[in-house]
Amino acid sequence: MCAAAVIAVLSASLIGQTIDIPKLLVELEPEIRRSMVEGKIPSESIALVAGDKVIWTGAYGESNLWARTPATPETVYLIGSTFKAMSTMALFKLMEQGKLKLDDPVSKYLDFAIAGDDSKNPVTFRHILTHTSGLDGDFGAIPVWSNIAPKTLDDFVHTVLKVKQPPMTKVEYSNAAFALLGYLVEKISGVPYKQYVKEQIWDPLEMSSTSFDPTPDMDERIAVPYVIDKTTGNQRPATRIKATVWPAGITYGTVLNQANWLILNLNNGIFKGKRIVSEATMEQMFTRQFDQFKGGIEGIWGNDTSGFGLTWWVQVRNNERYFAHSGSVSGYTAFLLGNRDRKLGFAIMTNGNQAHPHLFKLADRAIDLMEKYSTGDKAAGSSATATGVKK
């Protein structure tokens, strides 16, 4: 499992952090390989971010085991729920135009009543973004090659979506709520949801290889999803799926595009010198919303400081602020991790199934190694350079 492709980005600037990539890789690459073996992950595409730059990308293993196709940083994977924060950003663009408020009842913007929604304790946008809405609804998975289509978004929210329990009863992860969010973005903006996300989020961030519906060029690069056969313990191809709640994360992309998304978040809403969303909005997004629900996320990530910000998972580790989110669809697992104080980020995409603990461990290690092999002011991360790397 050797690297199929490695890209290093060098900056002419000598101001701020300098990260010694060769020394970092001496320690990181064995951890990458270990995660693939222990997690039975066929391939991993990884990007490291410092400040406003992608300082290294690498790809390991094979995106197609039968064809022995090496993975590259351009390999396309399902990004899963790492997309949820992008959908949230689309909503924030409308919020900043004064078209909604976070604590507005969502019913105010709908022409129908959600089953079970109580006008005395209504579902709000903040509830959706913190998984405290109580909203429920079938995921609606359908094989990609099936002649059967999932329910349309319009049909889903009108006939399937329901409030299972009153808002703020507990934190319960809800893909259905984010399907509703997509519907609301479309209704409030007056623009088809897919078009709105592309024009307002992906295009400004140069995420040309991210899409709900892969282009022919992207399709040529899609990694085969794999799961572990319970009988043999070997990797076998998984069924590719589409779903009724596709705005919750049935989205395809590359690790290079994910790195651009990380750059925006690490730089408080700025990408390549252009402000995409206000700093005040970003601060809200990264602030744990409800102290009564603090602690590990879904029982899989975080410490006793953790909780949901506005979609992002947030925590304090070693007195520094972190944000994260995973994405998981059958045969794919992705993860994003950022250190806000040092402006360091890690993005990984894989065609391994439910590989979360292995990716979490690798991400922590990568951030720690970037800190270990960096010099300069931790607050000057936006001018980070890589050293000792051949072009």
Protein backbone atom coordinates (compact mmCIF):
# COMPACT_ATOMS: atom_id res chain seq x y z
CA MET A 1 0.00 0.00 0.00
CA CYS A 2 2.29 2.71 -1.23
CA ALA A 3 1.28 6.24 -2.14
CA ALA A 4 -0.13 6.50 -5.62
CA ALA A 5 0.22 10.26 -5.74
CA VAL A 6 1.77 12.92 -3.55
CA ILE A 7 1.48 16.66 -4.03
CA ALA A 8 3.36 19.26 -2.00
CA VAL A 9 2.52 22.94 -2.10
CA LEU A 10 5.38 25.39 -1.53
CA SER A 11 4.95 29.06 -0.72
CA ALA A 12 7.46 31.81 -1.39
CA SER A 13 6.47 33.48 1.85
CA LEU A 14 8.77 33.04 4.83
CA ILE A 15 6.33 34.63 7.26
CA GLY A 16 4.44 32.59 9.83
CA GLN A 17 4.55 28.84 10.26
CA THR A 18 6.93 26.51 8.49
CA ILE A 19 6.03 22.83 8.50
CA ASP A 20 8.68 20.25 7.72
CA ILE A 21 6.71 17.82 5.54
CA PRO A 22 9.42 15.17 5.01
CA LYS A 23 9.95 14.74 8.75
CA LEU A 24 6.21 14.71 9.32
CA LEU A 25 5.68 11.98 6.72
CA VAL A 26 8.31 9.74 8.27
CA GLU A 27 5.99 9.43 11.26
CA LEU A 28 2.61 9.84 9.54
CA GLU A 29 2.89 7.32 6.71
CA PRO A 30 3.24 4.27 9.00
CA GLU A 31 0.10 5.46 10.80
CA ILE A 32 -1.73 5.77 7.48
CA ARG A 33 -0.82 2.22 6.53
CA ARG A 34 -1.74 0.95 9.99
CA SER A 35 -5.18 2.55 9.75
CA MET A 36 -5.77 0.85 6.39
CA VAL A 37 -4.78 -2.56 7.71
CA GLU A 38 -6.67 -2.32 11.00
CA GLY A 39 -9.73 -0.76 9.37
CA LYS A 40 -9.59 -3.00 6.29
CA ILE A 41 -9.74 0.15 4.16
CA PRO A 42 -8.91 -0.34 0.44
CA SER A 43 -7.83 3.25 -0.21
CA GLU A 44 -7.34 6.61 1.49
CA SER A 45 -6.99 10.06 -0.07
CA ILE A 46 -5.65 12.61 2.40
CA ALA A 47 -5.00 16.36 2.48
CA LEU A 48 -3.19 18.48 5.07
CA VAL A 49 -4.07 22.16 5.37
CA ALA A 50 -2.21 24.96 7.10
CA GLY A 51 -3.75 28.40 7.13
CA ASP A 52 -5.04 29.16 3.66
CA LYS A 53 -3.03 26.51 1.80
CA VAL A 54 -3.10 22.81 1.07
CA ILE A 55 0.44 21.87 2.06
CA TRP A 56 0.37 18.17 1.17
CA THR A 57 -1.90 15.56 -0.35
CA GLY A 58 -1.35 11.84 -0.68
CA ALA A 59 -3.30 8.80 -1.79
CA TYR A 60 -2.76 5.21 -0.72
CA GLY A 61 -4.15 1.86 -1.77
CA GLU A 62 -6.59 1.08 -4.53
CA SER A 63 -9.88 2.67 -5.50
CA ASN A 64 -10.85 -0.51 -7.37
CA LEU A 65 -9.44 -3.75 -5.98
CA TRP A 66 -10.44 -5.86 -8.99
CA ALA A 67 -8.81 -3.53 -11.53
CA ARG A 68 -5.94 -2.63 -9.13
CA THR A 69 -6.59 1.07 -9.75
CA PRO A 70 -4.34 3.26 -7.58
CA ALA A 71 -6.14 5.94 -5.60
CA THR A 72 -5.12 9.56 -6.22
CA PRO A 73 -6.07 12.91 -4.66
CA GLU A 74 -8.46 13.29 -7.63
CA THR A 75 -10.31 10.05 -6.81
CA VAL A 76 -14.02 10.68 -6.21
CA TYR A 77 -15.76 9.28 -3.13
CA LEU A 78 -19.12 9.80 -1.47
CA ILE A 79 -18.45 12.52 1.11
CA GLY A 80 -21.51 11.63 3.19
CA SER A 81 -22.44 13.84 6.12
CA THR A 82 -19.36 16.02 5.81
CA PHE A 83 -21.68 17.78 3.37
CA LYS A 84 -24.13 18.78 6.12
CA ALA A 85 -22.09 21.81 7.17
CA MET A 86 -22.03 22.97 3.52
CA SER A 87 -25.83 22.83 3.46
CA THR A 88 -25.81 24.82 6.70
CA MET A 89 -23.58 27.41 5.05
CA ALA A 90 -26.14 27.71 2.24
CA LEU A 91 -28.77 28.48 4.86
CA PHE A 92 -26.48 31.04 6.49
CA LYS A 93 -26.15 32.90 3.21
CA LEU A 94 -29.91 33.43 3.34
CA MET A 95 -29.80 34.30 7.03
CA GLU A 96 -27.25 37.03 6.38
CA GLN A 97 -29.64 38.49 3.80
CA GLY A 98 -32.23 38.82 6.55
CA LYS A 99 -34.50 36.14 5.11
CA LEU A 100 -34.67 34.06 8.30
CA LYS A 101 -33.54 33.84 11.91
CA LEU A 102 -32.06 30.78 13.60
CA ASP A 103 -34.78 30.58 16.21
CA ASP A 104 -37.65 31.03 13.79
CA PRO A 105 -40.09 28.12 13.64
CA VAL A 106 -39.49 26.43 10.30
CA SER A 107 -43.26 26.22 9.87
CA LYS A 108 -43.20 29.95 9.16
CA TYR A 109 -41.56 29.17 5.80
CA LEU A 110 -43.65 26.15 4.83
CA ASP A 111 -46.99 25.88 3.09
CA PHE A 112 -47.86 22.67 4.95
CA ALA A 113 -47.79 21.40 8.53
CA ILE A 114 -45.13 18.89 9.55
CA ALA A 115 -46.76 15.88 11.19
CA GLY A 116 -46.41 16.19 14.97
CA ASP A 117 -45.05 19.74 14.99
CA ASP A 118 -46.45 21.59 18.02
CA SER A 119 -47.03 25.33 17.66
CA LYS A 120 -46.29 25.73 21.39
CA ASN A 121 -42.90 24.02 21.02
CA PRO A 122 -42.12 24.22 17.31
CA VAL A 123 -39.14 22.93 15.37
CA THR A 124 -36.69 25.77 14.65
CA PHE A 125 -33.67 26.09 12.37
CA ARG A 126 -31.39 25.87 15.41
CA HIS A 127 -33.01 22.57 16.38
CA ILE A 128 -32.33 21.15 12.92
CA LEU A 129 -28.68 22.25 12.98
CA THR A 130 -28.07 20.68 16.41
CA HIS A 131 -29.98 17.42 15.89
CA THR A 132 -32.42 18.36 18.65
CA SER A 133 -35.46 18.75 16.37
CA GLY A 134 -37.02 15.36 17.05
CA LEU A 135 -37.62 15.02 13.30
CA ASP A 136 -37.75 11.53 11.86
CA GLY A 137 -38.26 9.94 8.46
CA ASP A 138 -37.01 6.95 6.53
CA PHE A 139 -33.56 7.23 4.91
CA GLY A 140 -35.12 5.75 1.78
CA ALA A 141 -32.07 3.96 0.39
CA ILE A 142 -32.43 2.61 -3.16
CA PRO A 143 -29.73 0.86 -5.25
CA VAL A 144 -28.28 3.26 -7.83
CA TRP A 145 -28.96 0.70 -10.58
CA SER A 146 -32.56 0.10 -9.51
CA ASN A 147 -35.43 1.12 -11.76
CA ILE A 148 -37.15 2.43 -8.64
CA ALA A 149 -36.52 6.08 -7.78
CA PRO A 150 -36.42 7.45 -4.22
CA LYS A 151 -39.23 9.73 -3.15
CA THR A 152 -38.82 13.28 -4.35
CA LEU A 153 -37.78 15.82 -1.74
CA ASP A 154 -41.17 17.50 -2.05
CA ASP A 155 -43.00 14.20 -1.54
CA PHE A 156 -40.78 13.22 1.39
CA VAL A 157 -41.31 16.38 3.44
CA HIS A 158 -45.05 16.38 2.77
CA THR A 159 -45.80 12.71 3.42
CA VAL A 160 -42.98 11.02 5.37
CA LEU A 161 -41.35 13.64 7.59
CA LYS A 162 -42.66 13.75 11.16
CA VAL A 163 -41.77 14.98 14.64
CA LYS A 164 -41.12 11.83 16.64
CA GLN A 165 -40.44 13.60 19.94
CA PRO A 166 -40.61 17.22 21.11
CA PRO A 167 -37.64 19.42 20.21
CA MET A 168 -34.84 19.54 22.82
CA THR A 169 -35.84 16.20 24.32
CA LYS A 170 -32.43 14.83 23.41
CA VAL A 171 -29.76 14.88 20.72
CA GLU A 172 -30.69 12.34 18.07
CA TYR A 173 -28.90 12.46 14.74
CA SER A 174 -31.44 13.18 12.01
CA ASN A 175 -30.80 12.87 8.29
CA ALA A 176 -34.48 13.63 7.76
CA ALA A 177 -34.02 17.05 9.37
CA PHE A 178 -31.31 17.93 6.88
CA ALA A 179 -33.51 16.80 4.02
CA LEU A 180 -36.01 19.37 5.30
CA LEU A 181 -33.19 21.92 5.49
CA GLY A 182 -32.50 21.41 1.79
CA TYR A 183 -36.18 21.89 1.04
CA LEU A 184 -36.25 25.09 3.13
CA VAL A 185 -33.18 26.53 1.39
CA GLU A 186 -34.92 25.96 -1.93
CA LYS A 187 -38.21 27.52 -0.81
CA ILE A 188 -36.67 30.56 0.89
CA SER A 189 -34.16 31.29 -1.90
CA GLY A 190 -36.54 30.56 -4.78
CA VAL A 191 -33.67 28.68 -6.45
CA PRO A 192 -33.47 24.88 -6.90
CA TYR A 193 -31.46 23.51 -3.99
CA LYS A 194 -28.78 21.80 -6.09
CA GLN A 195 -28.27 24.97 -8.11
CA TYR A 196 -28.15 27.16 -5.01
CA VAL A 197 -25.48 25.05 -3.30
CA LYS A 198 -23.35 24.97 -6.44
CA GLU A 199 -23.57 28.71 -7.06
CA GLN A 200 -23.26 29.87 -3.46
CA ILE A 201 -20.83 27.32 -1.96
CA TRP A 202 -19.03 25.05 -4.41
CA ASP A 203 -18.29 27.53 -7.22
CA PRO A 204 -16.82 30.25 -4.93
CA LEU A 205 -14.63 27.58 -3.27
CA GLU A 206 -13.49 26.13 -6.62
CA MET A 207 -15.01 22.77 -5.73
CA SER A 208 -15.48 21.69 -9.33
CA SER A 209 -15.29 17.97 -8.51
CA THR A 210 -18.09 18.00 -5.94
CA SER A 211 -21.64 17.24 -7.02
CA PHE A 212 -24.92 15.57 -6.10
CA ASP A 213 -24.95 14.04 -9.57
CA PRO A 214 -21.43 13.09 -10.70
CA THR A 215 -20.41 14.46 -14.09
CA PRO A 216 -19.01 11.97 -16.65
CA ASP A 217 -15.51 13.17 -15.74
CA MET A 218 -16.18 12.51 -12.05
CA ASP A 219 -17.82 9.16 -12.77
CA GLU A 220 -14.60 7.97 -14.39
CA ARG A 221 -12.80 8.60 -11.08
CA ILE A 222 -15.33 7.20 -8.57
CA ALA A 223 -13.91 4.71 -6.08
CA VAL A 224 -15.70 1.40 -5.69
CA PRO A 225 -17.34 1.16 -2.23
CA TYR A 226 -16.35 -1.86 -0.12
CA VAL A 227 -17.73 -3.55 2.98
CA ILE A 228 -16.38 -6.47 5.00
CA ASP A 229 -17.95 -9.83 4.24
CA LYS A 230 -19.12 -11.21 7.61
CA THR A 231 -18.44 -14.79 6.53
CA THR A 232 -14.97 -14.48 5.00
CA GLY A 233 -13.74 -11.27 6.63
CA ASN A 234 -12.63 -10.06 3.20
CA GLN A 235 -13.50 -6.84 1.42
CA ARG A 236 -16.32 -7.11 -1.10
CA PRO A 237 -18.01 -4.46 -3.27
CA ALA A 238 -20.99 -2.77 -1.66
CA THR A 239 -24.24 -1.84 -3.36
CA ARG A 240 -24.13 1.77 -4.53
CA ILE A 241 -27.11 3.66 -3.19
CA LYS A 242 -29.16 6.79 -3.67
CA ALA A 243 -31.61 7.98 -1.03
CA THR A 244 -34.73 9.97 -0.35
CA VAL A 245 -32.83 12.21 2.08
CA TRP A 246 -30.07 13.02 -0.40
CA PRO A 247 -29.54 16.59 0.92
CA ALA A 248 -28.23 14.95 4.11
CA GLY A 249 -25.09 13.74 2.32
CA ILE A 250 -25.56 11.73 -0.87
CA THR A 251 -22.87 13.91 -2.39
CA TYR A 252 -19.69 13.05 -4.30
CA GLY A 253 -16.34 14.82 -4.15
CA THR A 254 -12.55 14.69 -3.89
CA VAL A 255 -10.22 15.29 -0.99
CA LEU A 256 -8.78 18.32 -2.81
CA ASN A 257 -12.22 19.91 -2.82
CA GLN A 258 -12.72 18.95 0.83
CA ALA A 259 -9.46 20.75 1.58
CA ASN A 260 -10.85 23.96 0.06
CA TRP A 261 -13.88 23.63 2.31
CA LEU A 262 -11.55 23.24 5.31
CA ILE A 263 -9.63 26.36 4.29
CA LEU A 264 -12.83 28.43 4.37
CA ASN A 265 -13.66 27.20 7.87
CA LEU A 266 -10.12 27.51 9.25
CA ASN A 267 -10.05 31.12 8.04
CA ASN A 268 -13.39 32.16 9.54
CA GLY A 269 -15.31 32.42 6.27
CA ILE A 270 -12.57 33.68 3.93
CA PHE A 271 -11.30 31.79 0.86
CA LYS A 272 -8.50 33.19 -1.30
CA GLY A 273 -9.00 36.65 0.14
CA LYS A 274 -12.75 36.72 -0.48
CA ARG A 275 -15.23 36.64 2.38
CA ILE A 276 -17.92 34.04 1.75
CA VAL A 277 -19.74 34.34 5.09
CA SER A 278 -19.31 36.71 8.04
CA GLU A 279 -16.93 36.04 10.92
CA ALA A 280 -19.82 36.44 13.37
CA THR A 281 -21.73 33.67 11.61
CA MET A 282 -18.69 31.41 11.69
CA GLU A 283 -18.29 32.01 15.42
CA GLN A 284 -21.86 30.85 15.96
CA MET A 285 -21.24 27.80 13.81
CA PHE A 286 -18.27 26.79 15.99
CA THR A 287 -19.92 27.50 19.35
CA ARG A 288 -21.37 24.60 21.32
CA GLN A 289 -25.06 25.40 21.40
CA PHE A 290 -26.48 23.54 24.39
CA ASP A 291 -24.49 22.86 27.55
CA GLN A 292 -27.01 20.29 28.75
CA PHE A 293 -26.06 18.07 25.81
CA LYS A 294 -22.28 18.42 26.05
CA GLY A 295 -20.11 15.32 25.87
CA GLY A 296 -19.09 12.84 23.19
CA ILE A 297 -20.79 13.03 19.80
CA GLU A 298 -22.90 9.96 18.99
CA GLY A 299 -20.71 8.01 21.38
CA ILE A 300 -17.92 7.95 18.78
CA TRP A 301 -15.99 11.26 18.96
CA GLY A 302 -14.95 13.91 21.42
CA ASN A 303 -14.41 14.51 25.11
CA ASP A 304 -16.44 16.05 27.91
CA THR A 305 -16.20 19.51 26.30
CA SER A 306 -17.68 18.28 23.00
CA GLY A 307 -21.05 19.03 21.51
CA PHE A 308 -22.82 20.25 18.43
CA GLY A 309 -22.13 23.72 17.21
CA LEU A 310 -24.35 24.65 14.29
CA THR A 311 -23.80 21.31 12.49
CA TRP A 312 -20.05 21.08 13.16
CA TRP A 313 -18.88 18.92 16.05
CA VAL A 314 -16.79 21.06 18.40
CA GLN A 315 -14.49 20.41 21.33
CA VAL A 316 -11.52 21.79 23.26
CA ARG A 317 -8.43 19.58 23.30
CA ASN A 318 -5.13 20.60 24.88
CA ASN A 319 -6.65 24.04 25.47
CA GLU A 320 -7.21 24.54 21.74
CA ARG A 321 -10.46 24.67 19.76
CA TYR A 322 -11.31 21.93 17.28
CA PHE A 323 -14.15 21.28 14.86
CA ALA A 324 -14.91 18.06 13.00
CA HIS A 325 -17.48 15.97 11.17
CA SER A 326 -17.54 12.50 9.67
CA GLY A 327 -19.42 11.15 6.68
CA SER A 328 -20.50 7.55 6.22
CA VAL A 329 -22.50 5.86 3.50
CA SER A 330 -22.30 2.12 2.78
CA GLY A 331 -18.77 1.45 1.54
CA TYR A 332 -17.41 4.95 2.18
CA THR A 333 -16.14 6.82 5.25
CA ALA A 334 -14.84 10.41 5.29
CA PHE A 335 -13.64 12.72 8.05
CA LEU A 336 -12.67 16.39 8.47
CA LEU A 337 -10.80 17.82 11.47
CA GLY A 338 -9.63 21.36 12.07
CA ASN A 339 -7.66 23.14 14.80
CA ARG A 340 -9.01 26.70 14.83
CA ASP A 341 -6.23 28.17 16.95
CA ARG A 342 -3.35 26.90 14.81
CA LYS A 343 -5.34 26.90 11.55
CA LEU A 344 -4.38 23.30 10.83
CA GLY A 345 -6.68 20.88 9.06
CA PHE A 346 -6.90 17.24 8.02
CA ALA A 347 -9.24 15.78 5.39
CA ILE A 348 -9.56 12.11 4.48
CA MET A 349 -11.81 10.18 2.12
CA THR A 350 -11.93 6.40 1.89
CA ASN A 351 -13.80 3.50 0.31
CA GLY A 352 -13.80 1.64 3.61
CA ASN A 353 -16.99 0.94 5.53
CA GLN A 354 -17.70 2.48 8.97
CA ALA A 355 -14.01 3.16 9.48
CA HIS A 356 -14.62 6.07 11.87
CA PRO A 357 -12.36 5.13 14.82
CA HIS A 358 -9.38 4.54 12.53
CA LEU A 359 -9.85 7.89 10.78
CA PHE A 360 -10.36 9.77 14.05
CA LYS A 361 -7.12 8.38 15.45
CA LEU A 362 -5.22 9.16 12.25
CA ALA A 363 -6.59 12.70 12.11
CA ASP A 364 -5.50 13.47 15.68
CA ARG A 365 -2.07 12.10 14.92
CA ALA A 366 -1.74 14.18 11.75
CA ILE A 367 -2.68 17.42 13.52
CA ASP A 368 -0.27 16.63 16.36
CA LEU A 369 2.54 15.99 13.87
CA MET A 370 1.84 19.24 12.01
CA GLU A 371 2.17 21.01 15.34
CA LYS A 372 5.33 19.05 16.20
CA TYR A 373 7.07 19.89 12.93
CA SER A 374 5.98 23.51 12.68
CA THR A 375 7.90 26.59 13.67
CA GLY A 376 6.67 30.14 14.09
CA ASP A 377 3.65 31.79 15.64
CA LYS A 378 0.69 29.42 15.89
CA ALA A 379 -1.64 32.33 15.10
CA ALA A 380 0.19 33.01 11.82
CA GLY A 381 -0.92 29.79 10.19
CA SER A 382 -2.36 31.60 7.19
CA SER A 383 1.17 32.06 5.85
CA ALA A 384 2.30 28.47 6.38
CA THR A 385 4.93 26.99 4.09
CA ALA A 386 6.18 23.47 3.52
CA THR A 387 9.90 22.90 3.58
CA GLY A 388 12.29 20.33 2.21
CA VAL A 389 9.81 18.97 -0.33
CA LYS A 390 10.65 18.44 -3.98
CA LYS A 391 8.27 19.92 -6.50
